[in-house]
């Protein structure tokens, strides 16, 4: 009986740890996205540079750009 209790406590602790880790990972991703959005969406020069780089990438990789457009159309 004691062995089962120890195993259950260990599994519960592992579950809590993984849940906490996932929560921290999500919070970190959100903060990264917020910083990125603040950096590029608000700043006009950065937005223009991004658009220019995107067009340049599409010019260099026409097949990949076409695949990306098709995926955007359906997803």
PDB file of N, CA and C in Angstrom:
ATOM      1  N   UNK A   1       0.823  -1.205   0.000  1.00  0.00           N
ATOM      2  CA  UNK A   1       0.000   0.000   0.000  1.00  0.00           C
ATOM      3  C   UNK A   1       0.861   1.260   0.000  1.00  0.00           C
ATOM      4  N   UNK A   2       1.920   1.233   0.795  1.00  0.00           N
ATOM      5  CA  UNK A   2       2.796   2.400   0.852  1.00  0.00           C
ATOM      6  C   UNK A   2       3.518   2.631  -0.472  1.00  0.00           C
ATOM      7  N   UNK A   3       3.890   1.544  -1.145  1.00  0.00           N
ATOM      8  CA  UNK A   3       4.575   1.662  -2.427  1.00  0.00           C
ATOM      9  C   UNK A   3       3.672   2.330  -3.469  1.00  0.00           C
ATOM     10  N   UNK A   4       2.425   1.956  -3.466  1.00  0.00           N
ATOM     11  CA  UNK A   4       1.476   2.547  -4.419  1.00  0.00           C
ATOM     12  C   UNK A   4       1.282   4.028  -4.124  1.00  0.00           C
ATOM     13  N   UNK A   5       1.221   4.368  -2.857  1.00  0.00           N
ATOM     14  CA  UNK A   5       1.068   5.768  -2.471  1.00  0.00           C
ATOM     15  C   UNK A   5       2.276   6.596  -2.899  1.00  0.00           C
ATOM     16  N   UNK A   6       3.461   6.055  -2.729  1.00  0.00           N
ATOM     17  CA  UNK A   6       4.682   6.762  -3.142  1.00  0.00           C
ATOM     18  C   UNK A   6       4.700   6.956  -4.656  1.00  0.00           C
ATOM     19  N   UNK A   7       4.314   5.944  -5.397  1.00  0.00           N
ATOM     20  CA  UNK A   7       4.284   6.043  -6.859  1.00  0.00           C
ATOM     21  C   UNK A   7       3.249   7.074  -7.292  1.00  0.00           C
ATOM     22  N   UNK A   8       2.089   7.078  -6.666  1.00  0.00           N
ATOM     23  CA  UNK A   8       1.056   8.053  -7.020  1.00  0.00           C
ATOM     24  C   UNK A   8       1.505   9.474  -6.708  1.00  0.00           C
ATOM     25  N   UNK A   9       2.159   9.679  -5.582  1.00  0.00           N
ATOM     26  CA  UNK A   9       2.672  11.015  -5.235  1.00  0.00           C
ATOM     27  C   UNK A   9       3.734  11.449  -6.240  1.00  0.00           C
ATOM     28  N   UNK A  10       4.600  10.525  -6.641  1.00  0.00           N
ATOM     29  CA  UNK A  10       5.628  10.848  -7.632  1.00  0.00           C
ATOM     30  C   UNK A  10       5.000  11.211  -8.975  1.00  0.00           C
ATOM     31  N   UNK A  11       3.998  10.445  -9.391  1.00  0.00           N
ATOM     32  CA  UNK A  11       3.324  10.752 -10.665  1.00  0.00           C
ATOM     33  C   UNK A  11       2.586  12.083 -10.607  1.00  0.00           C
ATOM     34  N   UNK A  12       1.939  12.358  -9.490  1.00  0.00           N
ATOM     35  CA  UNK A  12       1.251  13.636  -9.325  1.00  0.00           C
ATOM     36  C   UNK A  12       2.232  14.799  -9.356  1.00  0.00           C
ATOM     37  N   UNK A  13       3.389  14.631  -8.699  1.00  0.00           N
ATOM     38  CA  UNK A  13       4.416  15.669  -8.704  1.00  0.00           C
ATOM     39  C   UNK A  13       4.948  15.906 -10.116  1.00  0.00           C
ATOM     40  N   UNK A  14       5.163  14.825 -10.841  1.00  0.00           N
ATOM     41  CA  UNK A  14       5.630  14.945 -12.226  1.00  0.00           C
ATOM     42  C   UNK A  14       4.596  15.657 -13.081  1.00  0.00           C
ATOM     43  N   UNK A  15       3.338  15.318 -12.902  1.00  0.00           N
ATOM     44  CA  UNK A  15       2.262  15.968 -13.648  1.00  0.00           C
ATOM     45  C   UNK A  15       2.212  17.465 -13.354  1.00  0.00           C
ATOM     46  N   UNK A  16       2.322  17.831 -12.075  1.00  0.00           N
ATOM     47  CA  UNK A  16       2.325  19.259 -11.714  1.00  0.00           C
ATOM     48  C   UNK A  16       3.520  19.981 -12.308  1.00  0.00           C
ATOM     49  N   UNK A  17       4.688  19.340 -12.263  1.00  0.00           N
ATOM     50  CA  UNK A  17       5.895  19.955 -12.819  1.00  0.00           C
ATOM     51  C   UNK A  17       5.737  20.195 -14.320  1.00  0.00           C
ATOM     52  N   UNK A  18       5.236  19.213 -15.038  1.00  0.00           N
ATOM     53  CA  UNK A  18       5.059  19.367 -16.485  1.00  0.00           C
ATOM     54  C   UNK A  18       4.014  20.429 -16.810  1.00  0.00           C
ATOM     55  N   UNK A  19       2.973  20.493 -16.029  1.00  0.00           N
ATOM     56  CA  UNK A  19       1.944  21.513 -16.235  1.00  0.00           C
ATOM     57  C   UNK A  19       2.526  22.914 -16.010  1.00  0.00           C
ATOM     58  N   UNK A  20       3.315  23.069 -14.951  1.00  0.00           N
ATOM     59  CA  UNK A  20       3.959  24.357 -14.664  1.00  0.00           C
ATOM     60  C   UNK A  20       4.935  24.727 -15.780  1.00  0.00           C
ATOM     61  N   UNK A  21       5.695  23.755 -16.239  1.00  0.00           N
ATOM     62  CA  UNK A  21       6.672  24.014 -17.302  1.00  0.00           C
ATOM     63  C   UNK A  21       5.974  24.448 -18.594  1.00  0.00           C
ATOM     64  N   UNK A  22       4.869  23.798 -18.919  1.00  0.00           N
ATOM     65  CA  UNK A  22       4.103  24.150 -20.111  1.00  0.00           C
ATOM     66  C   UNK A  22       3.554  25.568 -19.984  1.00  0.00           C
ATOM     67  N   UNK A  23       3.062  25.907 -18.805  1.00  0.00           N
ATOM     68  CA  UNK A  23       2.535  27.248 -18.576  1.00  0.00           C
ATOM     69  C   UNK A  23       3.629  28.295 -18.760  1.00  0.00           C
ATOM     70  N   UNK A  24       4.814  28.053 -18.205  1.00  0.00           N
ATOM     71  CA  UNK A  24       5.922  28.993 -18.352  1.00  0.00           C
ATOM     72  C   UNK A  24       6.344  29.115 -19.818  1.00  0.00           C
ATOM     73  N   UNK A  25       6.335  28.000 -20.531  1.00  0.00           N
ATOM     74  CA  UNK A  25       6.699  28.028 -21.946  1.00  0.00           C
ATOM     75  C   UNK A  25       5.708  28.876 -22.739  1.00  0.00           C
ATOM     76  N   UNK A  26       4.421  28.712 -22.458  1.00  0.00           N
ATOM     77  CA  UNK A  26       3.403  29.509 -23.152  1.00  0.00           C
ATOM     78  C   UNK A  26       3.564  30.992 -22.836  1.00  0.00           C
ATOM     79  N   UNK A  27       3.790  31.312 -21.569  1.00  0.00           N
ATOM     80  CA  UNK A  27       3.978  32.716 -21.192  1.00  0.00           C
ATOM     81  C   UNK A  27       5.196  33.311 -21.885  1.00  0.00           C
ATOM     82  N   UNK A  28       6.252  32.528 -22.000  1.00  0.00           N
ATOM     83  CA  UNK A  28       7.455  32.995 -22.675  1.00  0.00           C
ATOM     84  C   UNK A  28       7.176  33.246 -24.156  1.00  0.00           C
ATOM     85  N   UNK A  29       6.451  32.337 -24.805  1.00  0.00           N
ATOM     86  CA  UNK A  29       6.110  32.535 -26.210  1.00  0.00           C
ATOM     87  C   UNK A  29       5.256  33.780 -26.418  1.00  0.00           C
ATOM     88  N   UNK A  30       4.295  33.997 -25.540  1.00  0.00           N
ATOM     89  CA  UNK A  30       3.440  35.177 -25.651  1.00  0.00           C
ATOM     90  C   UNK A  30       4.266  36.447 -25.507  1.00  0.00           C
ATOM     91  N   UNK A  31       5.195  36.461 -24.568  1.00  0.00           N
ATOM     92  CA  UNK A  31       6.005  37.663 -24.389  1.00  0.00           C
ATOM     93  C   UNK A  31       6.902  37.908 -25.605  1.00  0.00           C
ATOM     94  N   UNK A  32       7.422  36.834 -26.193  1.00  0.00           N
ATOM     95  CA  UNK A  32       8.244  36.990 -27.398  1.00  0.00           C
ATOM     96  C   UNK A  32       7.412  37.547 -28.543  1.00  0.00           C
ATOM     97  N   UNK A  33       6.188  37.027 -28.712  1.00  0.00           N
ATOM     98  CA  UNK A  33       5.320  37.517 -29.776  1.00  0.00           C
ATOM     99  C   UNK A  33       4.916  38.968 -29.543  1.00  0.00           C
ATOM    100  N   UNK A  34       4.672  39.337 -28.294  1.00  0.00           N
ATOM    101  CA  UNK A  34       4.313  40.724 -27.998  1.00  0.00           C
ATOM    102  C   UNK A  34       5.470  41.671 -28.318  1.00  0.00           C
ATOM    103  N   UNK A  35       6.687  41.263 -27.971  1.00  0.00           N
ATOM    104  CA  UNK A  35       7.859  42.093 -28.280  1.00  0.00           C
ATOM    105  C   UNK A  35       8.036  42.224 -29.789  1.00  0.00           C
ATOM    106  N   UNK A  36       7.882  41.118 -30.496  1.00  0.00           N
ATOM    107  CA  UNK A  36       8.035  41.126 -31.939  1.00  0.00           C
ATOM    108  C   UNK A  36       6.967  42.002 -32.583  1.00  0.00           C
ATOM    109  N   UNK A  37       5.733  41.892 -32.105  1.00  0.00           N
ATOM    110  CA  UNK A  37       4.648  42.705 -32.644  1.00  0.00           C
ATOM    111  C   UNK A  37       4.915  44.183 -32.392  1.00  0.00           C
ATOM    112  N   UNK A  38       5.350  44.506 -31.190  1.00  0.00           N
ATOM    113  CA  UNK A  38       5.628  45.906 -30.863  1.00  0.00           C
ATOM    114  C   UNK A  38       6.781  46.441 -31.708  1.00  0.00           C
ATOM    115  N   UNK A  39       7.718  45.582 -32.011  1.00  0.00           N
ATOM    116  CA  UNK A  39       8.892  46.015 -32.772  1.00  0.00           C
ATOM    117  C   UNK A  39       8.559  46.255 -34.240  1.00  0.00           C
ATOM    118  N   UNK A  40       7.774  45.364 -34.844  1.00  0.00           N
ATOM    119  CA  UNK A  40       7.560  45.441 -36.282  1.00  0.00           C
ATOM    120  C   UNK A  40       6.235  46.074 -36.684  1.00  0.00           C
ATOM    121  N   UNK A  41       5.181  45.858 -35.939  1.00  0.00           N
ATOM    122  CA  UNK A  41       3.867  46.334 -36.355  1.00  0.00           C
ATOM    123  C   UNK A  41       3.725  47.837 -36.170  1.00  0.00           C
ATOM    124  N   UNK A  42       4.370  48.382 -35.159  1.00  0.00           N
ATOM    125  CA  UNK A  42       4.217  49.798 -34.859  1.00  0.00           C
ATOM    126  C   UNK A  42       5.198  50.644 -35.660  1.00  0.00           C
ATOM    127  N   UNK A  43       6.400  50.137 -35.835  1.00  0.00           N
ATOM    128  CA  UNK A  43       7.445  50.889 -36.513  1.00  0.00           C
ATOM    129  C   UNK A  43       7.270  50.782 -38.034  1.00  0.00           C
ATOM    130  N   UNK A  44       7.057  51.897 -38.689  1.00  0.00           N
ATOM    131  CA  UNK A  44       6.827  51.903 -40.129  1.00  0.00           C
ATOM    132  C   UNK A  44       8.035  51.466 -40.929  1.00  0.00           C
ATOM    133  N   UNK A  45       9.221  51.875 -40.494  1.00  0.00           N
ATOM    134  CA  UNK A  45      10.440  51.490 -41.213  1.00  0.00           C
ATOM    135  C   UNK A  45      10.660  49.985 -41.137  1.00  0.00           C
ATOM    136  N   UNK A  46      10.449  49.420 -39.974  1.00  0.00           N
ATOM    137  CA  UNK A  46      10.619  47.975 -39.822  1.00  0.00           C
ATOM    138  C   UNK A  46       9.597  47.224 -40.654  1.00  0.00           C
ATOM    139  N   UNK A  47       8.374  47.735 -40.687  1.00  0.00           N
ATOM    140  CA  UNK A  47       7.326  47.092 -41.479  1.00  0.00           C
ATOM    141  C   UNK A  47       7.671  47.142 -42.963  1.00  0.00           C
ATOM    142  N   UNK A  48       8.186  48.271 -43.419  1.00  0.00           N
ATOM    143  CA  UNK A  48       8.573  48.392 -44.823  1.00  0.00           C
ATOM    144  C   UNK A  48       9.735  47.461 -45.144  1.00  0.00           C
ATOM    145  N   UNK A  49      10.698  47.370 -44.231  1.00  0.00           N
ATOM    146  CA  UNK A  49      11.829  46.469 -44.440  1.00  0.00           C
ATOM    147  C   UNK A  49      11.363  45.017 -44.479  1.00  0.00           C
ATOM    148  N   UNK A  50      10.417  44.678 -43.632  1.00  0.00           N
ATOM    149  CA  UNK A  50       9.879  43.318 -43.621  1.00  0.00           C
ATOM    150  C   UNK A  50       9.168  43.016 -44.932  1.00  0.00           C
ATOM    151  N   UNK A  51       8.353  43.936 -45.410  1.00  0.00           N
ATOM    152  CA  UNK A  51       7.641  43.727 -46.676  1.00  0.00           C
ATOM    153  C   UNK A  51       8.625  43.576 -47.834  1.00  0.00           C
ATOM    154  N   UNK A  52       9.679  44.377 -47.814  1.00  0.00           N
ATOM    155  CA  UNK A  52      10.691  44.296 -48.862  1.00  0.00           C
ATOM    156  C   UNK A  52      11.396  42.940 -48.825  1.00  0.00           C
ATOM    157  N   UNK A  53      11.739  42.497 -47.619  1.00  0.00           N
ATOM    158  CA  UNK A  53      12.402  41.199 -47.481  1.00  0.00           C
ATOM    159  C   UNK A  53      11.476  40.068 -47.910  1.00  0.00           C
ATOM    160  N   UNK A  54      10.194  40.179 -47.597  1.00  0.00           N
ATOM    161  CA  UNK A  54       9.234  39.146 -47.994  1.00  0.00           C
ATOM    162  C   UNK A  54       9.107  39.079 -49.517  1.00  0.00           C
ATOM    163  N   UNK A  55       9.038  40.231 -50.162  1.00  0.00           N
ATOM    164  CA  UNK A  55       8.950  40.243 -51.623  1.00  0.00           C
ATOM    165  C   UNK A  55      10.221  39.694 -52.255  1.00  0.00           C
ATOM    166  N   UNK A  56      11.366  40.021 -51.669  1.00  0.00           N
ATOM    167  CA  UNK A  56      12.640  39.514 -52.174  1.00  0.00           C
ATOM    168  C   UNK A  56      12.693  37.991 -52.040  1.00  0.00           C
ATOM    169  N   UNK A  57      12.212  37.472 -50.899  1.00  0.00           N
ATOM    170  CA  UNK A  57      12.197  36.036 -50.686  1.00  0.00           C
ATOM    171  C   UNK A  57      11.277  35.371 -51.705  1.00  0.00           C
ATOM    172  N   UNK A  58      10.112  35.975 -51.970  1.00  0.00           N
ATOM    173  CA  UNK A  58       9.191  35.404 -52.955  1.00  0.00           C
ATOM    174  C   UNK A  58       9.795  35.423 -54.353  1.00  0.00           C
ATOM    175  N   UNK A  59      10.582  36.428 -54.640  1.00  0.00           N
ATOM    176  CA  UNK A  59      11.225  36.496 -55.955  1.00  0.00           C
ATOM    177  C   UNK A  59      12.294  35.410 -56.090  1.00  0.00           C
ATOM    178  N   UNK A  60      13.035  35.153 -54.999  1.00  0.00           N
ATOM    179  CA  UNK A  60      14.096  34.149 -55.041  1.00  0.00           C
ATOM    180  C   UNK A  60      13.561  32.722 -54.979  1.00  0.00           C
ATOM    181  N   UNK A  61      12.409  32.530 -54.338  1.00  0.00           N
ATOM    182  CA  UNK A  61      11.849  31.196 -54.148  1.00  0.00           C
ATOM    183  C   UNK A  61      10.404  31.156 -54.647  1.00  0.00           C
ATOM    184  N   UNK A  62      10.205  31.192 -55.954  1.00  0.00           N
ATOM    185  CA  UNK A  62       8.830  31.263 -56.473  1.00  0.00           C
ATOM    186  C   UNK A  62       7.991  30.017 -56.184  1.00  0.00           C
ATOM    187  N   UNK A  63       8.590  28.844 -56.199  1.00  0.00           N
ATOM    188  CA  UNK A  63       7.819  27.627 -55.954  1.00  0.00           C
ATOM    189  C   UNK A  63       7.375  27.564 -54.495  1.00  0.00           C
ATOM    190  N   UNK A  64       8.282  27.877 -53.577  1.00  0.00           N
ATOM    191  CA  UNK A  64       7.922  27.882 -52.157  1.00  0.00           C
ATOM    192  C   UNK A  64       6.873  28.955 -51.864  1.00  0.00           C
ATOM    193  N   UNK A  65       6.997  30.103 -52.537  1.00  0.00           N
ATOM    194  CA  UNK A  65       6.020  31.168 -52.343  1.00  0.00           C
ATOM    195  C   UNK A  65       4.643  30.736 -52.834  1.00  0.00           C
ATOM    196  N   UNK A  66       4.602  30.029 -53.951  1.00  0.00           N
ATOM    197  CA  UNK A  66       3.333  29.528 -54.472  1.00  0.00           C
ATOM    198  C   UNK A  66       2.712  28.517 -53.512  1.00  0.00           C
ATOM    199  N   UNK A  67       3.541  27.613 -52.966  1.00  0.00           N
ATOM    200  CA  UNK A  67       3.042  26.650 -51.983  1.00  0.00           C
ATOM    201  C   UNK A  67       2.490  27.368 -50.759  1.00  0.00           C
ATOM    202  N   UNK A  68       3.186  28.397 -50.317  1.00  0.00           N
ATOM    203  CA  UNK A  68       2.739  29.149 -49.139  1.00  0.00           C
ATOM    204  C   UNK A  68       1.402  29.831 -49.404  1.00  0.00           C
ATOM    205  N   UNK A  69       1.252  30.396 -50.593  1.00  0.00           N
ATOM    206  CA  UNK A  69      -0.026  31.044 -50.933  1.00  0.00           C
ATOM    207  C   UNK A  69      -1.172  30.033 -50.971  1.00  0.00           C
ATOM    208  N   UNK A  70      -0.902  28.848 -51.515  1.00  0.00           N
ATOM    209  CA  UNK A  70      -1.929  27.806 -51.579  1.00  0.00           C
ATOM    210  C   UNK A  70      -2.304  27.369 -50.166  1.00  0.00           C
ATOM    211  N   UNK A  71      -1.332  27.198 -49.295  1.00  0.00           N
ATOM    212  CA  UNK A  71      -1.618  26.811 -47.919  1.00  0.00           C
ATOM    213  C   UNK A  71      -2.448  27.872 -47.210  1.00  0.00           C
ATOM    214  N   UNK A  72      -2.116  29.152 -47.435  1.00  0.00           N
ATOM    215  CA  UNK A  72      -2.880  30.237 -46.815  1.00  0.00           C
ATOM    216  C   UNK A  72      -4.320  30.240 -47.312  1.00  0.00           C
ATOM    217  N   UNK A  73      -4.502  29.871 -48.575  1.00  0.00           N
ATOM    218  CA  UNK A  73      -5.835  29.868 -49.141  1.00  0.00           C
ATOM    219  C   UNK A  73      -6.733  28.831 -48.473  1.00  0.00           C
ATOM    220  N   UNK A  74      -6.147  27.670 -48.158  1.00  0.00           N
ATOM    221  CA  UNK A  74      -6.945  26.588 -47.594  1.00  0.00           C
ATOM    222  C   UNK A  74      -6.919  26.533 -46.081  1.00  0.00           C
ATOM    223  N   UNK A  75      -5.955  27.111 -45.424  1.00  0.00           N
ATOM    224  CA  UNK A  75      -5.876  27.040 -43.964  1.00  0.00           C
ATOM    225  C   UNK A  75      -6.301  28.303 -43.387  1.00  0.00           C
TER     226      UNK A  75
END
